[in-house]
Amino acid sequence: MLAERLDALQIRWAADNEVHARFRVGDRVAWPKVRGQDNIGTVMAIEPGGRYSVMHDSAAASGSSMRFLVDFEACRAEGEPVASSLSSLKGLPRKVWAAISALLALEAMDFTMRVGLLLP
């Protein structure tokens, strides 16, 4: 039940933020592993919620029907250089960016006030 709710929220977020697929079915894509080389595979379907269904090359070689659900923003074309780590943050919802911005502004004001109190 929790997985269904999470899927529904992801679908709603993708619709609200007008997230669109960059790749089509049959395109070759890469997405990062936690450690090591990138995953490489073929887009098999475009799923709701801003995700691709991708068949990993190792699954295709073994005859497995296993697919990975990979977020649109995590994929890049096979052979395309890795973008900077900051560009991956652009996919965050606007409310999260607003909260981060507000927190940073408060921290800056607090720092300015403390420095002003310490200096003669």
PDB file of N, CA and C in Angstrom:
ATOM      1  N   MET A   1       0.822  -1.182   0.000  1.00  0.00           N
ATOM      2  CA  MET A   1       0.000   0.000   0.000  1.00  0.00           C
ATOM      3  C   MET A   1       0.877   1.262   0.000  1.00  0.00           C
ATOM      4  N   LEU A   2       1.977   1.219   0.762  1.00  0.00           N
ATOM      5  CA  LEU A   2       2.885   2.355   0.803  1.00  0.00           C
ATOM      6  C   LEU A   2       3.539   2.595  -0.556  1.00  0.00           C
ATOM      7  N   ALA A   3       3.915   1.526  -1.236  1.00  0.00           N
ATOM      8  CA  ALA A   3       4.522   1.643  -2.565  1.00  0.00           C
ATOM      9  C   ALA A   3       3.544   2.279  -3.548  1.00  0.00           C
ATOM     10  N   GLU A   4       2.265   1.916  -3.456  1.00  0.00           N
ATOM     11  CA  GLU A   4       1.251   2.500  -4.338  1.00  0.00           C
ATOM     12  C   GLU A   4       1.109   3.994  -4.081  1.00  0.00           C
ATOM     13  N   ARG A   5       1.122   4.384  -2.816  1.00  0.00           N
ATOM     14  CA  ARG A   5       1.017   5.816  -2.487  1.00  0.00           C
ATOM     15  C   ARG A   5       2.239   6.588  -2.980  1.00  0.00           C
ATOM     16  N   LEU A   6       3.410   5.990  -2.811  1.00  0.00           N
ATOM     17  CA  LEU A   6       4.640   6.635  -3.282  1.00  0.00           C
ATOM     18  C   LEU A   6       4.615   6.796  -4.800  1.00  0.00           C
ATOM     19  N   ASP A   7       4.173   5.766  -5.514  1.00  0.00           N
ATOM     20  CA  ASP A   7       4.056   5.857  -6.974  1.00  0.00           C
ATOM     21  C   ASP A   7       3.078   6.955  -7.375  1.00  0.00           C
ATOM     22  N   ALA A   8       1.944   7.041  -6.675  1.00  0.00           N
ATOM     23  CA  ALA A   8       0.949   8.072  -6.977  1.00  0.00           C
ATOM     24  C   ALA A   8       1.521   9.466  -6.750  1.00  0.00           C
ATOM     25  N   LEU A   9       2.286   9.642  -5.676  1.00  0.00           N
ATOM     26  CA  LEU A   9       2.912  10.945  -5.410  1.00  0.00           C
ATOM     27  C   LEU A   9       3.940  11.295  -6.471  1.00  0.00           C
ATOM     28  N   GLN A  10       4.708  10.311  -6.915  1.00  0.00           N
ATOM     29  CA  GLN A  10       5.721  10.571  -7.936  1.00  0.00           C
ATOM     30  C   GLN A  10       5.050  10.935  -9.263  1.00  0.00           C
ATOM     31  N   ILE A  11       3.957  10.268  -9.600  1.00  0.00           N
ATOM     32  CA  ILE A  11       3.224  10.591 -10.821  1.00  0.00           C
ATOM     33  C   ILE A  11       2.675  12.007 -10.740  1.00  0.00           C
ATOM     34  N   ARG A  12       2.125  12.366  -9.582  1.00  0.00           N
ATOM     35  CA  ARG A  12       1.568  13.718  -9.402  1.00  0.00           C
ATOM     36  C   ARG A  12       2.676  14.773  -9.490  1.00  0.00           C
ATOM     37  N   TRP A  13       3.835  14.494  -8.850  1.00  0.00           N
ATOM     38  CA  TRP A  13       4.947  15.441  -8.897  1.00  0.00           C
ATOM     39  C   TRP A  13       5.417  15.654 -10.336  1.00  0.00           C
ATOM     40  N   ALA A  14       5.526  14.572 -11.106  1.00  0.00           N
ATOM     41  CA  ALA A  14       5.973  14.681 -12.496  1.00  0.00           C
ATOM     42  C   ALA A  14       4.986  15.489 -13.322  1.00  0.00           C
ATOM     43  N   ALA A  15       3.693  15.305 -13.083  1.00  0.00           N
ATOM     44  CA  ALA A  15       2.675  16.064 -13.817  1.00  0.00           C
ATOM     45  C   ALA A  15       2.710  17.536 -13.415  1.00  0.00           C
ATOM     46  N   ASP A  16       2.829  17.811 -12.122  1.00  0.00           N
ATOM     47  CA  ASP A  16       2.848  19.199 -11.634  1.00  0.00           C
ATOM     48  C   ASP A  16       4.069  19.964 -12.129  1.00  0.00           C
ATOM     49  N   ASN A  17       5.186  19.286 -12.295  1.00  0.00           N
ATOM     50  CA  ASN A  17       6.429  19.936 -12.703  1.00  0.00           C
ATOM     51  C   ASN A  17       6.734  19.768 -14.187  1.00  0.00           C
ATOM     52  N   GLU A  18       5.761  19.252 -14.922  1.00  0.00           N
ATOM     53  CA  GLU A  18       5.879  19.090 -16.370  1.00  0.00           C
ATOM     54  C   GLU A  18       7.182  18.396 -16.760  1.00  0.00           C
ATOM     55  N   VAL A  19       7.425  17.251 -16.151  1.00  0.00           N
ATOM     56  CA  VAL A  19       8.618  16.460 -16.438  1.00  0.00           C
ATOM     57  C   VAL A  19       8.376  15.684 -17.722  1.00  0.00           C
ATOM     58  N   HIS A  20       9.309  15.792 -18.671  1.00  0.00           N
ATOM     59  CA  HIS A  20       9.152  15.133 -19.973  1.00  0.00           C
ATOM     60  C   HIS A  20      10.336  14.211 -20.238  1.00  0.00           C
ATOM     61  N   ALA A  21      10.060  13.151 -20.964  1.00  0.00           N
ATOM     62  CA  ALA A  21      11.096  12.175 -21.307  1.00  0.00           C
ATOM     63  C   ALA A  21      12.053  12.765 -22.337  1.00  0.00           C
ATOM     64  N   ARG A  22      13.328  12.562 -22.122  1.00  0.00           N
ATOM     65  CA  ARG A  22      14.352  13.011 -23.068  1.00  0.00           C
ATOM     66  C   ARG A  22      14.633  11.922 -24.098  1.00  0.00           C
ATOM     67  N   PHE A  23      14.488  10.662 -23.695  1.00  0.00           N
ATOM     68  CA  PHE A  23      14.809   9.539 -24.565  1.00  0.00           C
ATOM     69  C   PHE A  23      13.544   8.805 -24.990  1.00  0.00           C
ATOM     70  N   ARG A  24      13.668   8.048 -26.062  1.00  0.00           N
ATOM     71  CA  ARG A  24      12.549   7.256 -26.577  1.00  0.00           C
ATOM     72  C   ARG A  24      12.837   5.771 -26.380  1.00  0.00           C
ATOM     73  N   VAL A  25      11.812   4.968 -26.552  1.00  0.00           N
ATOM     74  CA  VAL A  25      11.972   3.518 -26.458  1.00  0.00           C
ATOM     75  C   VAL A  25      13.000   3.078 -27.493  1.00  0.00           C
ATOM     76  N   GLY A  26      13.947   2.257 -27.052  1.00  0.00           N
ATOM     77  CA  GLY A  26      15.006   1.777 -27.925  1.00  0.00           C
ATOM     78  C   GLY A  26      16.301   2.547 -27.805  1.00  0.00           C
ATOM     79  N   ASP A  27      16.268   3.732 -27.172  1.00  0.00           N
ATOM     80  CA  ASP A  27      17.498   4.522 -26.996  1.00  0.00           C
ATOM     81  C   ASP A  27      18.399   3.869 -25.958  1.00  0.00           C
ATOM     82  N   ARG A  28      19.708   4.031 -26.144  1.00  0.00           N
ATOM     83  CA  ARG A  28      20.698   3.520 -25.203  1.00  0.00           C
ATOM     84  C   ARG A  28      21.000   4.609 -24.176  1.00  0.00           C
ATOM     85  N   VAL A  29      20.946   4.245 -22.895  1.00  0.00           N
ATOM     86  CA  VAL A  29      21.160   5.221 -21.833  1.00  0.00           C
ATOM     87  C   VAL A  29      22.149   4.677 -20.798  1.00  0.00           C
ATOM     88  N   ALA A  30      22.694   5.608 -20.025  1.00  0.00           N
ATOM     89  CA  ALA A  30      23.568   5.273 -18.900  1.00  0.00           C
ATOM     90  C   ALA A  30      23.007   5.960 -17.675  1.00  0.00           C
ATOM     91  N   TRP A  31      23.166   5.317 -16.528  1.00  0.00           N
ATOM     92  CA  TRP A  31      22.782   5.926 -15.263  1.00  0.00           C
ATOM     93  C   TRP A  31      23.781   5.468 -14.212  1.00  0.00           C
ATOM     94  N   PRO A  32      24.025   6.311 -13.192  1.00  0.00           N
ATOM     95  CA  PRO A  32      25.109   6.020 -12.255  1.00  0.00           C
ATOM     96  C   PRO A  32      24.805   4.875 -11.306  1.00  0.00           C
ATOM     97  N   LYS A  33      25.864   4.138 -10.982  1.00  0.00           N
ATOM     98  CA  LYS A  33      25.829   3.157  -9.900  1.00  0.00           C
ATOM     99  C   LYS A  33      26.256   3.875  -8.633  1.00  0.00           C
ATOM    100  N   VAL A  34      26.041   3.253  -7.502  1.00  0.00           N
ATOM    101  CA  VAL A  34      26.501   3.849  -6.262  1.00  0.00           C
ATOM    102  C   VAL A  34      28.023   3.924  -6.263  1.00  0.00           C
ATOM    103  N   ARG A  35      28.669   2.856  -6.709  1.00  0.00           N
ATOM    104  CA  ARG A  35      30.128   2.830  -6.846  1.00  0.00           C
ATOM    105  C   ARG A  35      30.465   2.148  -8.157  1.00  0.00           C
ATOM    106  N   GLY A  36      31.583   2.527  -8.750  1.00  0.00           N
ATOM    107  CA  GLY A  36      32.031   1.840  -9.949  1.00  0.00           C
ATOM    108  C   GLY A  36      31.531   2.460 -11.232  1.00  0.00           C
ATOM    109  N   GLN A  37      31.564   1.655 -12.292  1.00  0.00           N
ATOM    110  CA  GLN A  37      31.176   2.129 -13.623  1.00  0.00           C
ATOM    111  C   GLN A  37      29.661   2.320 -13.701  1.00  0.00           C
ATOM    112  N   ASP A  38      29.261   3.093 -14.717  1.00  0.00           N
ATOM    113  CA  ASP A  38      27.834   3.353 -14.911  1.00  0.00           C
ATOM    114  C   ASP A  38      27.089   2.101 -15.362  1.00  0.00           C
ATOM    115  N   ASN A  39      25.800   2.084 -15.101  1.00  0.00           N
ATOM    116  CA  ASN A  39      24.910   1.090 -15.677  1.00  0.00           C
ATOM    117  C   ASN A  39      24.634   1.510 -17.114  1.00  0.00           C
ATOM    118  N   ILE A  40      24.547   0.563 -18.016  1.00  0.00           N
ATOM    119  CA  ILE A  40      24.234   0.841 -19.415  1.00  0.00           C
ATOM    120  C   ILE A  40      23.083  -0.081 -19.805  1.00  0.00           C
ATOM    121  N   GLY A  41      22.120   0.471 -20.538  1.00  0.00           N
ATOM    122  CA  GLY A  41      21.005  -0.348 -20.973  1.00  0.00           C
ATOM    123  C   GLY A  41      20.176   0.323 -22.049  1.00  0.00           C
ATOM    124  N   THR A  42      19.059  -0.318 -22.378  1.00  0.00           N
ATOM    125  CA  THR A  42      18.160   0.149 -23.431  1.00  0.00           C
ATOM    126  C   THR A  42      16.806   0.500 -22.826  1.00  0.00           C
ATOM    127  N   VAL A  43      16.263   1.654 -23.213  1.00  0.00           N
ATOM    128  CA  VAL A  43      14.938   2.059 -22.740  1.00  0.00           C
ATOM    129  C   VAL A  43      13.902   1.128 -23.367  1.00  0.00           C
ATOM    130  N   MET A  44      13.117   0.475 -22.512  1.00  0.00           N
ATOM    131  CA  MET A  44      12.096  -0.459 -22.977  1.00  0.00           C
ATOM    132  C   MET A  44      10.699   0.156 -22.939  1.00  0.00           C
ATOM    133  N   ALA A  45      10.491   1.112 -22.001  1.00  0.00           N
ATOM    134  CA  ALA A  45       9.184   1.769 -21.874  1.00  0.00           C
ATOM    135  C   ALA A  45       9.357   3.074 -21.102  1.00  0.00           C
ATOM    136  N   ILE A  46       8.405   3.973 -21.298  1.00  0.00           N
ATOM    137  CA  ILE A  46       8.361   5.212 -20.533  1.00  0.00           C
ATOM    138  C   ILE A  46       7.221   5.054 -19.535  1.00  0.00           C
ATOM    139  N   GLU A  47       7.573   5.100 -18.260  1.00  0.00           N
ATOM    140  CA  GLU A  47       6.623   4.844 -17.186  1.00  0.00           C
ATOM    141  C   GLU A  47       6.082   6.151 -16.629  1.00  0.00           C
ATOM    142  N   PRO A  48       4.889   6.104 -16.031  1.00  0.00           N
ATOM    143  CA  PRO A  48       4.361   7.305 -15.368  1.00  0.00           C
ATOM    144  C   PRO A  48       5.262   7.701 -14.197  1.00  0.00           C
ATOM    145  N   GLY A  49       5.244   8.960 -13.861  1.00  0.00           N
ATOM    146  CA  GLY A  49       6.024   9.429 -12.726  1.00  0.00           C
ATOM    147  C   GLY A  49       7.435   9.828 -13.079  1.00  0.00           C
ATOM    148  N   GLY A  50       7.718  10.033 -14.357  1.00  0.00           N
ATOM    149  CA  GLY A  50       9.035  10.497 -14.764  1.00  0.00           C
ATOM    150  C   GLY A  50      10.115   9.443 -14.681  1.00  0.00           C
ATOM    151  N   ARG A  51       9.774   8.201 -15.080  1.00  0.00           N
ATOM    152  CA  ARG A  51      10.761   7.122 -15.028  1.00  0.00           C
ATOM    153  C   ARG A  51      10.759   6.313 -16.313  1.00  0.00           C
ATOM    154  N   TYR A  52      11.934   5.758 -16.613  1.00  0.00           N
ATOM    155  CA  TYR A  52      12.084   4.834 -17.732  1.00  0.00           C
ATOM    156  C   TYR A  52      12.132   3.413 -17.185  1.00  0.00           C
ATOM    157  N   SER A  53      11.627   2.477 -17.967  1.00  0.00           N
ATOM    158  CA  SER A  53      11.855   1.060 -17.718  1.00  0.00           C
ATOM    159  C   SER A  53      13.014   0.682 -18.620  1.00  0.00           C
ATOM    160  N   VAL A  54      14.150   0.306 -18.011  1.00  0.00           N
ATOM    161  CA  VAL A  54      15.383   0.081 -18.762  1.00  0.00           C
ATOM    162  C   VAL A  54      15.862  -1.358 -18.558  1.00  0.00           C
ATOM    163  N   MET A  55      16.235  -2.004 -19.658  1.00  0.00           N
ATOM    164  CA  MET A  55      16.844  -3.324 -19.574  1.00  0.00           C
ATOM    165  C   MET A  55      18.351  -3.151 -19.547  1.00  0.00           C
ATOM    166  N   HIS A  56      18.952  -3.575 -18.455  1.00  0.00           N
ATOM    167  CA  HIS A  56      20.412  -3.501 -18.294  1.00  0.00           C
ATOM    168  C   HIS A  56      21.050  -4.461 -19.289  1.00  0.00           C
ATOM    169  N   ASP A  57      22.216  -4.106 -19.801  1.00  0.00           N
ATOM    170  CA  ASP A  57      22.915  -4.956 -20.771  1.00  0.00           C
ATOM    171  C   ASP A  57      23.179  -6.361 -20.237  1.00  0.00           C
ATOM    172  N   SER A  58      23.514  -6.466 -18.951  1.00  0.00           N
ATOM    173  CA  SER A  58      23.789  -7.795 -18.384  1.00  0.00           C
ATOM    174  C   SER A  58      22.523  -8.651 -18.346  1.00  0.00           C
ATOM    175  N   ALA A  59      21.368  -8.029 -18.122  1.00  0.00           N
ATOM    176  CA  ALA A  59      20.105  -8.772 -18.128  1.00  0.00           C
ATOM    177  C   ALA A  59      19.784  -9.239 -19.544  1.00  0.00           C
ATOM    178  N   ALA A  60      20.027  -8.378 -20.525  1.00  0.00           N
ATOM    179  CA  ALA A  60      19.767  -8.752 -21.918  1.00  0.00           C
ATOM    180  C   ALA A  60      20.670  -9.904 -22.340  1.00  0.00           C
ATOM    181  N   ALA A  61      21.924  -9.880 -21.909  1.00  0.00           N
ATOM    182  CA  ALA A  61      22.876 -10.931 -22.275  1.00  0.00           C
ATOM    183  C   ALA A  61      22.506 -12.278 -21.659  1.00  0.00           C
ATOM    184  N   SER A  62      21.909 -12.232 -20.457  1.00  0.00           N
ATOM    185  CA  SER A  62      21.553 -13.484 -19.779  1.00  0.00           C
ATOM    186  C   SER A  62      20.159 -13.982 -20.151  1.00  0.00           C
ATOM    187  N   GLY A  63      19.412 -13.182 -20.914  1.00  0.00           N
ATOM    188  CA  GLY A  63      18.064 -13.577 -21.303  1.00  0.00           C
ATOM    189  C   GLY A  63      17.017 -13.256 -20.245  1.00  0.00           C
ATOM    190  N   SER A  64      17.394 -12.506 -19.230  1.00  0.00           N
ATOM    191  CA  SER A  64      16.471 -12.130 -18.155  1.00  0.00           C
ATOM    192  C   SER A  64      15.486 -11.068 -18.656  1.00  0.00           C
ATOM    193  N   SER A  65      14.315 -11.040 -18.050  1.00  0.00           N
ATOM    194  CA  SER A  65      13.332 -10.017 -18.401  1.00  0.00           C
ATOM    195  C   SER A  65      13.301  -8.899 -17.363  1.00  0.00           C
ATOM    196  N   MET A  66      14.282  -8.893 -16.466  1.00  0.00           N
ATOM    197  CA  MET A  66      14.338  -7.887 -15.409  1.00  0.00           C
ATOM    198  C   MET A  66      14.564  -6.493 -15.993  1.00  0.00           C
ATOM    199  N   ARG A  67      13.823  -5.519 -15.458  1.00  0.00           N
ATOM    200  CA  ARG A  67      13.939  -4.125 -15.880  1.00  0.00           C
ATOM    201  C   ARG A  67      14.219  -3.257 -14.663  1.00  0.00           C
ATOM    202  N   PHE A  68      14.902  -2.144 -14.874  1.00  0.00           N
ATOM    203  CA  PHE A  68      15.145  -1.158 -13.834  1.00  0.00           C
ATOM    204  C   PHE A  68      14.243   0.038 -14.080  1.00  0.00           C
ATOM    205  N   LEU A  69      13.663   0.599 -13.014  1.00  0.00           N
ATOM    206  CA  LEU A  69      12.954   1.865 -13.118  1.00  0.00           C
ATOM    207  C   LEU A  69      13.950   2.964 -12.780  1.00  0.00           C
ATOM    208  N   VAL A  70      14.239   3.828 -13.755  1.00  0.00           N
ATOM    209  CA  VAL A  70      15.259   4.859 -13.596  1.00  0.00           C
ATOM    210  C   VAL A  70      14.615   6.221 -13.852  1.00  0.00           C
ATOM    211  N   ASP A  71      14.834   7.153 -12.921  1.00  0.00           N
ATOM    212  CA  ASP A  71      14.289   8.506 -13.073  1.00  0.00           C
ATOM    213  C   ASP A  71      14.835   9.168 -14.326  1.00  0.00           C
ATOM    214  N   PHE A  72      13.985   9.992 -14.975  1.00  0.00           N
ATOM    215  CA  PHE A  72      14.397  10.708 -16.183  1.00  0.00           C
ATOM    216  C   PHE A  72      15.708  11.458 -15.952  1.00  0.00           C
ATOM    217  N   GLU A  73      15.779  12.204 -14.833  1.00  0.00           N
ATOM    218  CA  GLU A  73      16.943  13.061 -14.606  1.00  0.00           C
ATOM    219  C   GLU A  73      18.219  12.289 -14.299  1.00  0.00           C
ATOM    220  N   ALA A  74      18.109  10.999 -13.981  1.00  0.00           N
ATOM    221  CA  ALA A  74      19.301  10.192 -13.700  1.00  0.00           C
ATOM    222  C   ALA A  74      19.935   9.648 -14.974  1.00  0.00           C
ATOM    223  N   CYS A  75      19.202   9.652 -16.076  1.00  0.00           N
ATOM    224  CA  CYS A  75      19.701   9.065 -17.330  1.00  0.00           C
ATOM    225  C   CYS A  75      20.413  10.093 -18.197  1.00  0.00           C
ATOM    226  N   ARG A  76      21.393   9.588 -18.904  1.00  0.00           N
ATOM    227  CA  ARG A  76      22.048  10.379 -19.945  1.00  0.00           C
ATOM    228  C   ARG A  76      22.345   9.427 -21.096  1.00  0.00           C
ATOM    229  N   ALA A  77      22.619   9.982 -22.249  1.00  0.00           N
ATOM    230  CA  ALA A  77      22.901   9.151 -23.421  1.00  0.00           C
ATOM    231  C   ALA A  77      24.184   8.367 -23.189  1.00  0.00           C
ATOM    232  N   GLU A  78      24.216   7.159 -23.712  1.00  0.00           N
ATOM    233  CA  GLU A  78      25.424   6.331 -23.588  1.00  0.00           C
ATOM    234  C   GLU A  78      26.587   7.084 -24.215  1.00  0.00           C
ATOM    235  N   GLY A  79      27.687   7.203 -23.496  1.00  0.00           N
ATOM    236  CA  GLY A  79      28.859   7.916 -23.986  1.00  0.00           C
ATOM    237  C   GLY A  79      28.863   9.399 -23.668  1.00  0.00           C
ATOM    238  N   GLU A  80      27.744   9.941 -23.213  1.00  0.00           N
ATOM    239  CA  GLU A  80      27.674  11.355 -22.843  1.00  0.00           C
ATOM    240  C   GLU A  80      28.441  11.569 -21.539  1.00  0.00           C
ATOM    241  N   PRO A  81      29.221  12.647 -21.435  1.00  0.00           N
ATOM    242  CA  PRO A  81      29.983  12.866 -20.197  1.00  0.00           C
ATOM    243  C   PRO A  81      29.050  13.121 -19.014  1.00  0.00           C
ATOM    244  N   VAL A  82      29.549  12.804 -17.833  1.00  0.00           N
ATOM    245  CA  VAL A  82      28.786  12.995 -16.601  1.00  0.00           C
ATOM    246  C   VAL A  82      28.693  14.479 -16.309  1.00  0.00           C
ATOM    247  N   ALA A  83      27.487  14.944 -15.987  1.00  0.00           N
ATOM    248  CA  ALA A  83      27.288  16.344 -15.627  1.00  0.00           C
ATOM    249  C   ALA A  83      27.807  16.575 -14.214  1.00  0.00           C
ATOM    250  N   SER A  84      27.992  17.828 -13.858  1.00  0.00           N
ATOM    251  CA  SER A  84      28.456  18.134 -12.505  1.00  0.00           C
ATOM    252  C   SER A  84      27.413  17.689 -11.492  1.00  0.00           C
ATOM    253  N   SER A  85      27.846  17.476 -10.266  1.00  0.00           N
ATOM    254  CA  SER A  85      26.926  16.999  -9.233  1.00  0.00           C
ATOM    255  C   SER A  85      25.852  18.024  -8.908  1.00  0.00           C
ATOM    256  N   LEU A  86      26.123  19.304  -9.119  1.00  0.00           N
ATOM    257  CA  LEU A  86      25.116  20.321  -8.834  1.00  0.00           C
ATOM    258  C   LEU A  86      23.956  20.273  -9.815  1.00  0.00           C
ATOM    259  N   SER A  87      24.211  19.868 -11.058  1.00  0.00           N
ATOM    260  CA  SER A  87      23.128  19.840 -12.033  1.00  0.00           C
ATOM    261  C   SER A  87      22.102  18.774 -11.690  1.00  0.00           C
ATOM    262  N   SER A  88      22.496  17.737 -10.939  1.00  0.00           N
ATOM    263  CA  SER A  88      21.532  16.709 -10.556  1.00  0.00           C
ATOM    264  C   SER A  88      20.546  17.237  -9.529  1.00  0.00           C
ATOM    265  N   LEU A  89      20.872  18.346  -8.873  1.00  0.00           N
ATOM    266  CA  LEU A  89      19.963  18.919  -7.890  1.00  0.00           C
ATOM    267  C   LEU A  89      18.840  19.718  -8.524  1.00  0.00           C
ATOM    268  N   LYS A  90      18.944  20.006  -9.817  1.00  0.00           N
ATOM    269  CA  LYS A  90      17.930  20.820 -10.489  1.00  0.00           C
ATOM    270  C   LYS A  90      16.576  20.130 -10.543  1.00  0.00           C
ATOM    271  N   GLY A  91      16.541  18.816 -10.367  1.00  0.00           N
ATOM    272  CA  GLY A  91      15.283  18.089 -10.414  1.00  0.00           C
ATOM    273  C   GLY A  91      14.483  18.166  -9.124  1.00  0.00           C
ATOM    274  N   LEU A  92      15.023  18.831  -8.110  1.00  0.00           N
ATOM    275  CA  LEU A  92      14.297  18.934  -6.850  1.00  0.00           C
ATOM    276  C   LEU A  92      13.056  19.808  -7.022  1.00  0.00           C
ATOM    277  N   PRO A  93      11.988  19.495  -6.309  1.00  0.00           N
ATOM    278  CA  PRO A  93      10.780  20.323  -6.385  1.00  0.00           C
ATOM    279  C   PRO A  93      11.056  21.752  -5.934  1.00  0.00           C
ATOM    280  N   ARG A  94      10.272  22.690  -6.460  1.00  0.00           N
ATOM    281  CA  ARG A  94      10.466  24.114  -6.157  1.00  0.00           C
ATOM    282  C   ARG A  94      10.343  24.400  -4.667  1.00  0.00           C
ATOM    283  N   LYS A  95       9.444  23.693  -3.982  1.00  0.00           N
ATOM    284  CA  LYS A  95       9.264  23.931  -2.546  1.00  0.00           C
ATOM    285  C   LYS A  95      10.524  23.562  -1.769  1.00  0.00           C
ATOM    286  N   VAL A  96      11.224  22.535  -2.199  1.00  0.00           N
ATOM    287  CA  VAL A  96      12.465  22.145  -1.532  1.00  0.00           C
ATOM    288  C   VAL A  96      13.508  23.232  -1.741  1.00  0.00           C
ATOM    289  N   TRP A  97      13.614  23.748  -2.972  1.00  0.00           N
ATOM    290  CA  TRP A  97      14.559  24.837  -3.245  1.00  0.00           C
ATOM    291  C   TRP A  97      14.222  26.067  -2.417  1.00  0.00           C
ATOM    292  N   ALA A  98      12.924  26.371  -2.270  1.00  0.00           N
ATOM    293  CA  ALA A  98      12.510  27.528  -1.478  1.00  0.00           C
ATOM    294  C   ALA A  98      12.909  27.339  -0.018  1.00  0.00           C
ATOM    295  N   ALA A  99      12.734  26.124   0.507  1.00  0.00           N
ATOM    296  CA  ALA A  99      13.110  25.851   1.892  1.00  0.00           C
ATOM    297  C   ALA A  99      14.611  25.967   2.091  1.00  0.00           C
ATOM    298  N   ILE A 100      15.392  25.442   1.147  1.00  0.00           N
ATOM    299  CA  ILE A 100      16.849  25.539   1.231  1.00  0.00           C
ATOM    300  C   ILE A 100      17.290  27.000   1.179  1.00  0.00           C
ATOM    301  N   SER A 101      16.682  27.764   0.282  1.00  0.00           N
ATOM    302  CA  SER A 101      17.020  29.175   0.144  1.00  0.00           C
ATOM    303  C   SER A 101      16.705  29.942   1.426  1.00  0.00           C
ATOM    304  N   ALA A 102      15.540  29.671   2.017  1.00  0.00           N
ATOM    305  CA  ALA A 102      15.156  30.349   3.258  1.00  0.00           C
ATOM    306  C   ALA A 102      16.109  30.000   4.389  1.00  0.00           C
ATOM    307  N   LEU A 103      16.491  28.742   4.486  1.00  0.00           N
ATOM    308  CA  LEU A 103      17.420  28.314   5.530  1.00  0.00           C
ATOM    309  C   LEU A 103      18.775  29.001   5.363  1.00  0.00           C
ATOM    310  N   LEU A 104      19.261  29.056   4.134  1.00  0.00           N
ATOM    311  CA  LEU A 104      20.537  29.729   3.893  1.00  0.00           C
ATOM    312  C   LEU A 104      20.467  31.215   4.215  1.00  0.00           C
ATOM    313  N   ALA A 105      19.338  31.852   3.921  1.00  0.00           N
ATOM    314  CA  ALA A 105      19.175  33.268   4.238  1.00  0.00           C
ATOM    315  C   ALA A 105      19.200  33.481   5.744  1.00  0.00           C
ATOM    316  N   LEU A 106      18.525  32.600   6.489  1.00  0.00           N
ATOM    317  CA  LEU A 106      18.532  32.710   7.946  1.00  0.00           C
ATOM    318  C   LEU A 106      19.935  32.506   8.511  1.00  0.00           C
ATOM    319  N   GLU A 107      20.653  31.538   7.971  1.00  0.00           N
ATOM    320  CA  GLU A 107      22.026  31.299   8.415  1.00  0.00           C
ATOM    321  C   GLU A 107      22.907  32.514   8.137  1.00  0.00           C
ATOM    322  N   ALA A 108      22.728  33.132   6.991  1.00  0.00           N
ATOM    323  CA  ALA A 108      23.523  34.318   6.638  1.00  0.00           C
ATOM    324  C   ALA A 108      23.203  35.478   7.579  1.00  0.00           C
ATOM    325  N   MET A 109      21.925  35.671   7.887  1.00  0.00           N
ATOM    326  CA  MET A 109      21.545  36.749   8.808  1.00  0.00           C
ATOM    327  C   MET A 109      22.108  36.488  10.206  1.00  0.00           C
ATOM    328  N   ASP A 110      22.038  35.245  10.667  1.00  0.00           N
ATOM    329  CA  ASP A 110      22.561  34.887  11.981  1.00  0.00           C
ATOM    330  C   ASP A 110      24.068  35.140  12.035  1.00  0.00           C
ATOM    331  N   PHE A 111      24.776  34.737  10.995  1.00  0.00           N
ATOM    332  CA  PHE A 111      26.224  34.949  10.938  1.00  0.00           C
ATOM    333  C   PHE A 111      26.552  36.439  10.972  1.00  0.00           C
ATOM    334  N   THR A 112      25.820  37.223  10.174  1.00  0.00           N
ATOM    335  CA  THR A 112      26.055  38.666  10.118  1.00  0.00           C
ATOM    336  C   THR A 112      25.817  39.298  11.481  1.00  0.00           C
ATOM    337  N   MET A 113      24.764  38.886  12.171  1.00  0.00           N
ATOM    338  CA  MET A 113      24.456  39.439  13.482  1.00  0.00           C
ATOM    339  C   MET A 113      25.555  39.074  14.487  1.00  0.00           C
ATOM    340  N   ARG A 114      25.993  37.822  14.483  1.00  0.00           N
ATOM    341  CA  ARG A 114      27.036  37.391  15.427  1.00  0.00           C
ATOM    342  C   ARG A 114      28.360  38.103  15.168  1.00  0.00           C
ATOM    343  N   VAL A 115      28.722  38.281  13.928  1.00  0.00           N
ATOM    344  CA  VAL A 115      29.961  38.971  13.589  1.00  0.00           C
ATOM    345  C   VAL A 115      29.857  40.433  14.006  1.00  0.00           C
ATOM    346  N   GLY A 116      28.681  41.032  13.796  1.00  0.00           N
ATOM    347  CA  GLY A 116      28.477  42.417  14.179  1.00  0.00           C
ATOM    348  C   GLY A 116      28.592  42.621  15.687  1.00  0.00           C
ATOM    349  N   LEU A 117      28.163  41.630  16.473  1.00  0.00           N
ATOM    350  CA  LEU A 117      28.254  41.730  17.919  1.00  0.00           C
ATOM    351  C   LEU A 117      29.687  41.579  18.406  1.00  0.00           C
ATOM    352  N   LEU A 118      30.503  40.806  17.684  1.00  0.00           N
ATOM    353  CA  LEU A 118      31.873  40.555  18.110  1.00  0.00           C
ATOM    354  C   LEU A 118      32.823  41.663  17.717  1.00  0.00           C
ATOM    355  N   LEU A 119      32.571  42.331  16.614  1.00  0.00           N
ATOM    356  CA  LEU A 119      33.469  43.381  16.155  1.00  0.00           C
ATOM    357  C   LEU A 119      33.195  44.690  16.895  1.00  0.00           C
ATOM    358  N   PRO A 120      34.242  45.453  17.191  1.00  0.00           N
ATOM    359  CA  PRO A 120      34.036  46.736  17.890  1.00  0.00           C
ATOM    360  C   PRO A 120      33.431  47.789  16.985  1.00  0.00           C
TER     361      PRO A 120
END
